[in-house]
Amino acid sequence: MNTVFMLLAQFEEAIIPLGKVCDDYFGCSLRTAMNKAKAEDLPIPTFKIGSSAKAPYYIHLNDLAEYIDAQRAKAKEEWSRVNT
């Protein structure tokens, strides 16, 4: 199954609130993820839909899918290096 389709089935939207992915995909709390988003320190781009300082951060499903696929490729390469 394609990663984009898997994520679309999971979240049912292309624009995902950061709070829905921070723990499972970045291993951090929402507070930490928000601080990293402000510092542009997450592995994928984040954005706000609105100009308010309190506006929530979002990510795009395609960016998350690309990140997951890149992490998988790195792991597969390392596994191949160790196991061949």
PDB file of N, CA and C in Angstrom:
ATOM      1  N   MET A   1       0.844  -1.186   0.000  1.00  0.00           N
ATOM      2  CA  MET A   1       0.000   0.000   0.000  1.00  0.00           C
ATOM      3  C   MET A   1       0.888   1.248   0.000  1.00  0.00           C
ATOM      4  N   ASN A   2       0.535   2.189  -0.777  1.00  0.00           N
ATOM      5  CA  ASN A   2       1.247   3.456  -0.873  1.00  0.00           C
ATOM      6  C   ASN A   2       1.123   4.224   0.453  1.00  0.00           C
ATOM      7  N   THR A   3       2.209   4.836   0.888  1.00  0.00           N
ATOM      8  CA  THR A   3       2.224   5.550   2.165  1.00  0.00           C
ATOM      9  C   THR A   3       1.200   6.679   2.200  1.00  0.00           C
ATOM     10  N   VAL A   4       1.068   7.403   1.117  1.00  0.00           N
ATOM     11  CA  VAL A   4       0.089   8.496   1.070  1.00  0.00           C
ATOM     12  C   VAL A   4      -1.319   7.953   1.294  1.00  0.00           C
ATOM     13  N   PHE A   5      -1.660   6.862   0.632  1.00  0.00           N
ATOM     14  CA  PHE A   5      -2.995   6.291   0.785  1.00  0.00           C
ATOM     15  C   PHE A   5      -3.210   5.758   2.197  1.00  0.00           C
ATOM     16  N   MET A   6      -2.163   5.163   2.781  1.00  0.00           N
ATOM     17  CA  MET A   6      -2.258   4.662   4.143  1.00  0.00           C
ATOM     18  C   MET A   6      -2.562   5.813   5.110  1.00  0.00           C
ATOM     19  N   LEU A   7      -1.833   6.921   4.951  1.00  0.00           N
ATOM     20  CA  LEU A   7      -2.049   8.073   5.824  1.00  0.00           C
ATOM     21  C   LEU A   7      -3.410   8.718   5.576  1.00  0.00           C
ATOM     22  N   LEU A   8      -3.827   8.758   4.328  1.00  0.00           N
ATOM     23  CA  LEU A   8      -5.142   9.314   4.012  1.00  0.00           C
ATOM     24  C   LEU A   8      -6.251   8.470   4.646  1.00  0.00           C
ATOM     25  N   ALA A   9      -6.083   7.158   4.632  1.00  0.00           N
ATOM     26  CA  ALA A   9      -7.059   6.288   5.286  1.00  0.00           C
ATOM     27  C   ALA A   9      -7.054   6.507   6.800  1.00  0.00           C
ATOM     28  N   GLN A  10      -5.880   6.748   7.359  1.00  0.00           N
ATOM     29  CA  GLN A  10      -5.768   6.950   8.800  1.00  0.00           C
ATOM     30  C   GLN A  10      -6.351   8.289   9.243  1.00  0.00           C
ATOM     31  N   PHE A  11      -5.994   9.364   8.551  1.00  0.00           N
ATOM     32  CA  PHE A  11      -6.370  10.706   8.998  1.00  0.00           C
ATOM     33  C   PHE A  11      -7.580  11.295   8.270  1.00  0.00           C
ATOM     34  N   GLU A  12      -7.901  10.769   7.102  1.00  0.00           N
ATOM     35  CA  GLU A  12      -9.055  11.201   6.310  1.00  0.00           C
ATOM     36  C   GLU A  12      -9.008  12.672   5.908  1.00  0.00           C
ATOM     37  N   GLU A  13      -7.821  13.254   5.853  1.00  0.00           N
ATOM     38  CA  GLU A  13      -7.652  14.636   5.413  1.00  0.00           C
ATOM     39  C   GLU A  13      -6.199  14.852   5.010  1.00  0.00           C
ATOM     40  N   ALA A  14      -5.976  15.782   4.099  1.00  0.00           N
ATOM     41  CA  ALA A  14      -4.620  16.042   3.609  1.00  0.00           C
ATOM     42  C   ALA A  14      -3.856  17.007   4.509  1.00  0.00           C
ATOM     43  N   ILE A  15      -4.573  17.885   5.172  1.00  0.00           N
ATOM     44  CA  ILE A  15      -3.973  18.840   6.099  1.00  0.00           C
ATOM     45  C   ILE A  15      -4.249  18.309   7.505  1.00  0.00           C
ATOM     46  N   ILE A  16      -3.179  17.969   8.233  1.00  0.00           N
ATOM     47  CA  ILE A  16      -3.319  17.271   9.510  1.00  0.00           C
ATOM     48  C   ILE A  16      -2.829  18.157  10.654  1.00  0.00           C
ATOM     49  N   PRO A  17      -3.618  18.302  11.713  1.00  0.00           N
ATOM     50  CA  PRO A  17      -3.143  19.047  12.876  1.00  0.00           C
ATOM     51  C   PRO A  17      -1.896  18.381  13.473  1.00  0.00           C
ATOM     52  N   LEU A  18      -0.929  19.174  13.851  1.00  0.00           N
ATOM     53  CA  LEU A  18       0.318  18.656  14.409  1.00  0.00           C
ATOM     54  C   LEU A  18       0.067  17.755  15.612  1.00  0.00           C
ATOM     55  N   GLY A  19      -0.930  18.083  16.398  1.00  0.00           N
ATOM     56  CA  GLY A  19      -1.245  17.293  17.583  1.00  0.00           C
ATOM     57  C   GLY A  19      -1.627  15.851  17.290  1.00  0.00           C
ATOM     58  N   LYS A  20      -2.100  15.580  16.079  1.00  0.00           N
ATOM     59  CA  LYS A  20      -2.490  14.215  15.719  1.00  0.00           C
ATOM     60  C   LYS A  20      -1.304  13.330  15.342  1.00  0.00           C
ATOM     61  N   VAL A  21      -0.144  13.931  15.074  1.00  0.00           N
ATOM     62  CA  VAL A  21       0.988  13.132  14.586  1.00  0.00           C
ATOM     63  C   VAL A  21       2.234  13.207  15.458  1.00  0.00           C
ATOM     64  N   CYS A  22       2.303  14.172  16.358  1.00  0.00           N
ATOM     65  CA  CYS A  22       3.567  14.427  17.063  1.00  0.00           C
ATOM     66  C   CYS A  22       4.041  13.228  17.875  1.00  0.00           C
ATOM     67  N   ASP A  23       3.161  12.562  18.592  1.00  0.00           N
ATOM     68  CA  ASP A  23       3.582  11.440  19.427  1.00  0.00           C
ATOM     69  C   ASP A  23       3.976  10.226  18.591  1.00  0.00           C
ATOM     70  N   ASP A  24       3.111   9.819  17.677  1.00  0.00           N
ATOM     71  CA  ASP A  24       3.359   8.608  16.888  1.00  0.00           C
ATOM     72  C   ASP A  24       4.509   8.742  15.900  1.00  0.00           C
ATOM     73  N   TYR A  25       4.654   9.893  15.267  1.00  0.00           N
ATOM     74  CA  TYR A  25       5.623  10.020  14.184  1.00  0.00           C
ATOM     75  C   TYR A  25       6.879  10.801  14.543  1.00  0.00           C
ATOM     76  N   PHE A  26       6.822  11.635  15.583  1.00  0.00           N
ATOM     77  CA  PHE A  26       7.998  12.420  15.974  1.00  0.00           C
ATOM     78  C   PHE A  26       8.481  12.094  17.378  1.00  0.00           C
ATOM     79  N   GLY A  27       7.723  11.266  18.094  1.00  0.00           N
ATOM     80  CA  GLY A  27       8.138  10.824  19.421  1.00  0.00           C
ATOM     81  C   GLY A  27       8.232  11.935  20.447  1.00  0.00           C
ATOM     82  N   CYS A  28       7.333  12.906  20.356  1.00  0.00           N
ATOM     83  CA  CYS A  28       7.364  14.002  21.328  1.00  0.00           C
ATOM     84  C   CYS A  28       5.945  14.473  21.624  1.00  0.00           C
ATOM     85  N   SER A  29       5.821  15.212  22.706  1.00  0.00           N
ATOM     86  CA  SER A  29       4.524  15.761  23.097  1.00  0.00           C
ATOM     87  C   SER A  29       4.138  16.907  22.166  1.00  0.00           C
ATOM     88  N   LEU A  30       2.890  17.309  22.255  1.00  0.00           N
ATOM     89  CA  LEU A  30       2.430  18.434  21.443  1.00  0.00           C
ATOM     90  C   LEU A  30       3.196  19.700  21.804  1.00  0.00           C
ATOM     91  N   ARG A  31       3.425  19.926  23.079  1.00  0.00           N
ATOM     92  CA  ARG A  31       4.161  21.127  23.502  1.00  0.00           C
ATOM     93  C   ARG A  31       5.556  21.155  22.876  1.00  0.00           C
ATOM     94  N   THR A  32       6.263  20.022  22.939  1.00  0.00           N
ATOM     95  CA  THR A  32       7.601  19.940  22.343  1.00  0.00           C
ATOM     96  C   THR A  32       7.527  20.123  20.832  1.00  0.00           C
ATOM     97  N   ALA A  33       6.542  19.492  20.206  1.00  0.00           N
ATOM     98  CA  ALA A  33       6.384  19.616  18.753  1.00  0.00           C
ATOM     99  C   ALA A  33       6.097  21.063  18.360  1.00  0.00           C
ATOM    100  N   MET A  34       5.288  21.754  19.137  1.00  0.00           N
ATOM    101  CA  MET A  34       4.994  23.156  18.835  1.00  0.00           C
ATOM    102  C   MET A  34       6.244  24.021  18.974  1.00  0.00           C
ATOM    103  N   ASN A  35       7.034  23.765  20.004  1.00  0.00           N
ATOM    104  CA  ASN A  35       8.289  24.509  20.166  1.00  0.00           C
ATOM    105  C   ASN A  35       9.233  24.237  19.004  1.00  0.00           C
ATOM    106  N   LYS A  36       9.300  22.971  18.572  1.00  0.00           N
ATOM    107  CA  LYS A  36      10.152  22.625  17.432  1.00  0.00           C
ATOM    108  C   LYS A  36       9.615  23.242  16.144  1.00  0.00           C
ATOM    109  N   ALA A  37       8.299  23.288  16.004  1.00  0.00           N
ATOM    110  CA  ALA A  37       7.698  23.902  14.814  1.00  0.00           C
ATOM    111  C   ALA A  37       8.046  25.387  14.754  1.00  0.00           C
ATOM    112  N   LYS A  38       7.969  26.061  15.880  1.00  0.00           N
ATOM    113  CA  LYS A  38       8.318  27.487  15.930  1.00  0.00           C
ATOM    114  C   LYS A  38       9.769  27.712  15.531  1.00  0.00           C
ATOM    115  N   ALA A  39      10.638  26.770  15.906  1.00  0.00           N
ATOM    116  CA  ALA A  39      12.070  26.882  15.606  1.00  0.00           C
ATOM    117  C   ALA A  39      12.432  26.247  14.266  1.00  0.00           C
ATOM    118  N   GLU A  40      11.419  25.775  13.523  1.00  0.00           N
ATOM    119  CA  GLU A  40      11.647  25.061  12.250  1.00  0.00           C
ATOM    120  C   GLU A  40      12.580  23.869  12.462  1.00  0.00           C
ATOM    121  N   ASP A  41      12.373  23.132  13.562  1.00  0.00           N
ATOM    122  CA  ASP A  41      13.263  22.043  13.947  1.00  0.00           C
ATOM    123  C   ASP A  41      12.618  20.663  13.825  1.00  0.00           C
ATOM    124  N   LEU A  42      11.465  20.577  13.212  1.00  0.00           N
ATOM    125  CA  LEU A  42      10.856  19.273  12.940  1.00  0.00           C
ATOM    126  C   LEU A  42      11.369  18.767  11.593  1.00  0.00           C
ATOM    127  N   PRO A  43      11.305  17.465  11.355  1.00  0.00           N
ATOM    128  CA  PRO A  43      11.840  16.931  10.099  1.00  0.00           C
ATOM    129  C   PRO A  43      10.990  17.224   8.866  1.00  0.00           C
ATOM    130  N   ILE A  44       9.815  17.799   9.056  1.00  0.00           N
ATOM    131  CA  ILE A  44       8.965  18.192   7.930  1.00  0.00           C
ATOM    132  C   ILE A  44       8.434  19.604   8.177  1.00  0.00           C
ATOM    133  N   PRO A  45       8.014  20.292   7.116  1.00  0.00           N
ATOM    134  CA  PRO A  45       7.488  21.648   7.287  1.00  0.00           C
ATOM    135  C   PRO A  45       6.161  21.660   8.051  1.00  0.00           C
ATOM    136  N   THR A  46       5.963  22.705   8.817  1.00  0.00           N
ATOM    137  CA  THR A  46       4.686  22.947   9.487  1.00  0.00           C
ATOM    138  C   THR A  46       4.195  24.331   9.078  1.00  0.00           C
ATOM    139  N   PHE A  47       2.905  24.552   9.245  1.00  0.00           N
ATOM    140  CA  PHE A  47       2.349  25.853   8.885  1.00  0.00           C
ATOM    141  C   PHE A  47       1.086  26.109   9.688  1.00  0.00           C
ATOM    142  N   LYS A  48       0.693  27.359   9.718  1.00  0.00           N
ATOM    143  CA  LYS A  48      -0.551  27.767  10.362  1.00  0.00           C
ATOM    144  C   LYS A  48      -1.523  28.229   9.284  1.00  0.00           C
ATOM    145  N   ILE A  49      -2.786  27.992   9.522  1.00  0.00           N
ATOM    146  CA  ILE A  49      -3.819  28.503   8.624  1.00  0.00           C
ATOM    147  C   ILE A  49      -4.484  29.657   9.365  1.00  0.00           C
ATOM    148  N   GLY A  50      -3.852  30.772   9.319  1.00  0.00           N
ATOM    149  CA  GLY A  50      -4.318  31.944  10.047  1.00  0.00           C
ATOM    150  C   GLY A  50      -3.134  32.678  10.626  1.00  0.00           C
ATOM    151  N   SER A  51      -3.338  33.913  10.971  1.00  0.00           N
ATOM    152  CA  SER A  51      -2.225  34.738  11.431  1.00  0.00           C
ATOM    153  C   SER A  51      -2.152  34.868  12.946  1.00  0.00           C
ATOM    154  N   SER A  52      -3.090  34.295  13.653  1.00  0.00           N
ATOM    155  CA  SER A  52      -3.102  34.386  15.106  1.00  0.00           C
ATOM    156  C   SER A  52      -1.933  33.613  15.712  1.00  0.00           C
ATOM    157  N   ALA A  53      -1.365  34.164  16.768  1.00  0.00           N
ATOM    158  CA  ALA A  53      -0.279  33.467  17.465  1.00  0.00           C
ATOM    159  C   ALA A  53      -0.774  32.159  18.073  1.00  0.00           C
ATOM    160  N   LYS A  54      -2.068  32.083  18.354  1.00  0.00           N
ATOM    161  CA  LYS A  54      -2.639  30.874  18.948  1.00  0.00           C
ATOM    162  C   LYS A  54      -3.154  29.881  17.905  1.00  0.00           C
ATOM    163  N   ALA A  55      -3.030  30.214  16.635  1.00  0.00           N
ATOM    164  CA  ALA A  55      -3.488  29.303  15.577  1.00  0.00           C
ATOM    165  C   ALA A  55      -2.690  28.005  15.656  1.00  0.00           C
ATOM    166  N   PRO A  56      -3.348  26.871  15.471  1.00  0.00           N
ATOM    167  CA  PRO A  56      -2.638  25.594  15.557  1.00  0.00           C
ATOM    168  C   PRO A  56      -1.715  25.372  14.361  1.00  0.00           C
ATOM    169  N   TYR A  57      -0.713  24.549  14.578  1.00  0.00           N
ATOM    170  CA  TYR A  57       0.184  24.152  13.500  1.00  0.00           C
ATOM    171  C   TYR A  57      -0.397  22.942  12.775  1.00  0.00           C
ATOM    172  N   TYR A  58      -0.130  22.887  11.486  1.00  0.00           N
ATOM    173  CA  TYR A  58      -0.559  21.773  10.651  1.00  0.00           C
ATOM    174  C   TYR A  58       0.630  21.246   9.869  1.00  0.00           C
ATOM    175  N   ILE A  59       0.467  20.018   9.375  1.00  0.00           N
ATOM    176  CA  ILE A  59       1.424  19.449   8.430  1.00  0.00           C
ATOM    177  C   ILE A  59       0.634  18.979   7.218  1.00  0.00           C
ATOM    178  N   HIS A  60       1.321  18.793   6.110  1.00  0.00           N
ATOM    179  CA  HIS A  60       0.657  18.254   4.921  1.00  0.00           C
ATOM    180  C   HIS A  60       0.954  16.764   4.840  1.00  0.00           C
ATOM    181  N   LEU A  61      -0.059  16.004   4.500  1.00  0.00           N
ATOM    182  CA  LEU A  61       0.042  14.554   4.412  1.00  0.00           C
ATOM    183  C   LEU A  61       1.186  14.105   3.502  1.00  0.00           C
ATOM    184  N   ASN A  62       1.392  14.776   2.379  1.00  0.00           N
ATOM    185  CA  ASN A  62       2.471  14.387   1.462  1.00  0.00           C
ATOM    186  C   ASN A  62       3.844  14.538   2.102  1.00  0.00           C
ATOM    187  N   ASP A  63       4.030  15.582   2.911  1.00  0.00           N
ATOM    188  CA  ASP A  63       5.314  15.773   3.587  1.00  0.00           C
ATOM    189  C   ASP A  63       5.574  14.654   4.588  1.00  0.00           C
ATOM    190  N   LEU A  64       4.536  14.262   5.324  1.00  0.00           N
ATOM    191  CA  LEU A  64       4.685  13.167   6.285  1.00  0.00           C
ATOM    192  C   LEU A  64       4.976  11.858   5.560  1.00  0.00           C
ATOM    193  N   ALA A  65       4.300  11.611   4.457  1.00  0.00           N
ATOM    194  CA  ALA A  65       4.535  10.387   3.682  1.00  0.00           C
ATOM    195  C   ALA A  65       5.964  10.339   3.151  1.00  0.00           C
ATOM    196  N   GLU A  66       6.457  11.455   2.642  1.00  0.00           N
ATOM    197  CA  GLU A  66       7.841  11.504   2.149  1.00  0.00           C
ATOM    198  C   GLU A  66       8.834  11.248   3.274  1.00  0.00           C
ATOM    199  N   TYR A  67       8.569  11.800   4.447  1.00  0.00           N
ATOM    200  CA  TYR A  67       9.436  11.587   5.608  1.00  0.00           C
ATOM    201  C   TYR A  67       9.451  10.109   6.001  1.00  0.00           C
ATOM    202  N   ILE A  68       8.283   9.497   6.072  1.00  0.00           N
ATOM    203  CA  ILE A  68       8.193   8.077   6.430  1.00  0.00           C
ATOM    204  C   ILE A  68       8.931   7.231   5.401  1.00  0.00           C
ATOM    205  N   ASP A  69       8.719   7.504   4.124  1.00  0.00           N
ATOM    206  CA  ASP A  69       9.392   6.739   3.070  1.00  0.00           C
ATOM    207  C   ASP A  69      10.906   6.915   3.128  1.00  0.00           C
ATOM    208  N   ALA A  70      11.375   8.116   3.437  1.00  0.00           N
ATOM    209  CA  ALA A  70      12.820   8.362   3.548  1.00  0.00           C
ATOM    210  C   ALA A  70      13.405   7.611   4.740  1.00  0.00           C
ATOM    211  N   GLN A  71      12.683   7.606   5.856  1.00  0.00           N
ATOM    212  CA  GLN A  71      13.162   6.881   7.037  1.00  0.00           C
ATOM    213  C   GLN A  71      13.208   5.379   6.757  1.00  0.00           C
ATOM    214  N   ARG A  72      12.215   4.885   6.051  1.00  0.00           N
ATOM    215  CA  ARG A  72      12.183   3.466   5.691  1.00  0.00           C
ATOM    216  C   ARG A  72      13.349   3.120   4.771  1.00  0.00           C
ATOM    217  N   ALA A  73      13.627   3.978   3.800  1.00  0.00           N
ATOM    218  CA  ALA A  73      14.736   3.738   2.872  1.00  0.00           C
ATOM    219  C   ALA A  73      16.065   3.697   3.618  1.00  0.00           C
ATOM    220  N   LYS A  74      16.256   4.606   4.573  1.00  0.00           N
ATOM    221  CA  LYS A  74      17.484   4.600   5.378  1.00  0.00           C
ATOM    222  C   LYS A  74      17.606   3.311   6.176  1.00  0.00           C
ATOM    223  N   ALA A  75      16.517   2.894   6.798  1.00  0.00           N
ATOM    224  CA  ALA A  75      16.526   1.672   7.598  1.00  0.00           C
ATOM    225  C   ALA A  75      16.799   0.450   6.727  1.00  0.00           C
ATOM    226  N   LYS A  76      16.200   0.417   5.557  1.00  0.00           N
ATOM    227  CA  LYS A  76      16.395  -0.711   4.644  1.00  0.00           C
ATOM    228  C   LYS A  76      17.839  -0.778   4.169  1.00  0.00           C
ATOM    229  N   GLU A  77      18.420   0.379   3.873  1.00  0.00           N
ATOM    230  CA  GLU A  77      19.817   0.439   3.443  1.00  0.00           C
ATOM    231  C   GLU A  77      20.746  -0.046   4.554  1.00  0.00           C
ATOM    232  N   GLU A  78      20.504   0.401   5.768  1.00  0.00           N
ATOM    233  CA  GLU A  78      21.323  -0.028   6.910  1.00  0.00           C
ATOM    234  C   GLU A  78      21.168  -1.529   7.148  1.00  0.00           C
ATOM    235  N   TRP A  79      19.943  -2.019   7.074  1.00  0.00           N
ATOM    236  CA  TRP A  79      19.692  -3.442   7.260  1.00  0.00           C
ATOM    237  C   TRP A  79      20.431  -4.257   6.204  1.00  0.00           C
ATOM    238  N   SER A  80      20.372  -3.803   4.954  1.00  0.00           N
ATOM    239  CA  SER A  80      21.064  -4.501   3.868  1.00  0.00           C
ATOM    240  C   SER A  80      22.569  -4.499   4.080  1.00  0.00           C
ATOM    241  N   ARG A  81      23.098  -3.400   4.565  1.00  0.00           N
ATOM    242  CA  ARG A  81      24.534  -3.299   4.808  1.00  0.00           C
ATOM    243  C   ARG A  81      24.966  -4.299   5.888  1.00  0.00           C
ATOM    244  N   VAL A  82      24.159  -4.465   6.910  1.00  0.00           N
ATOM    245  CA  VAL A  82      24.490  -5.361   8.019  1.00  0.00           C
ATOM    246  C   VAL A  82      24.235  -6.821   7.661  1.00  0.00           C
ATOM    247  N   ASN A  83      23.231  -7.083   6.855  1.00  0.00           N
ATOM    248  CA  ASN A  83      22.801  -8.458   6.597  1.00  0.00           C
ATOM    249  C   ASN A  83      23.229  -9.034   5.254  1.00  0.00           C
ATOM    250  N   THR A  84      24.157  -8.416   4.566  1.00  0.00           N
ATOM    251  CA  THR A  84      24.656  -9.004   3.312  1.00  0.00           C
ATOM    252  C   THR A  84      26.155  -9.073   3.312  1.00  0.00           C
TER     253      THR A  84
END
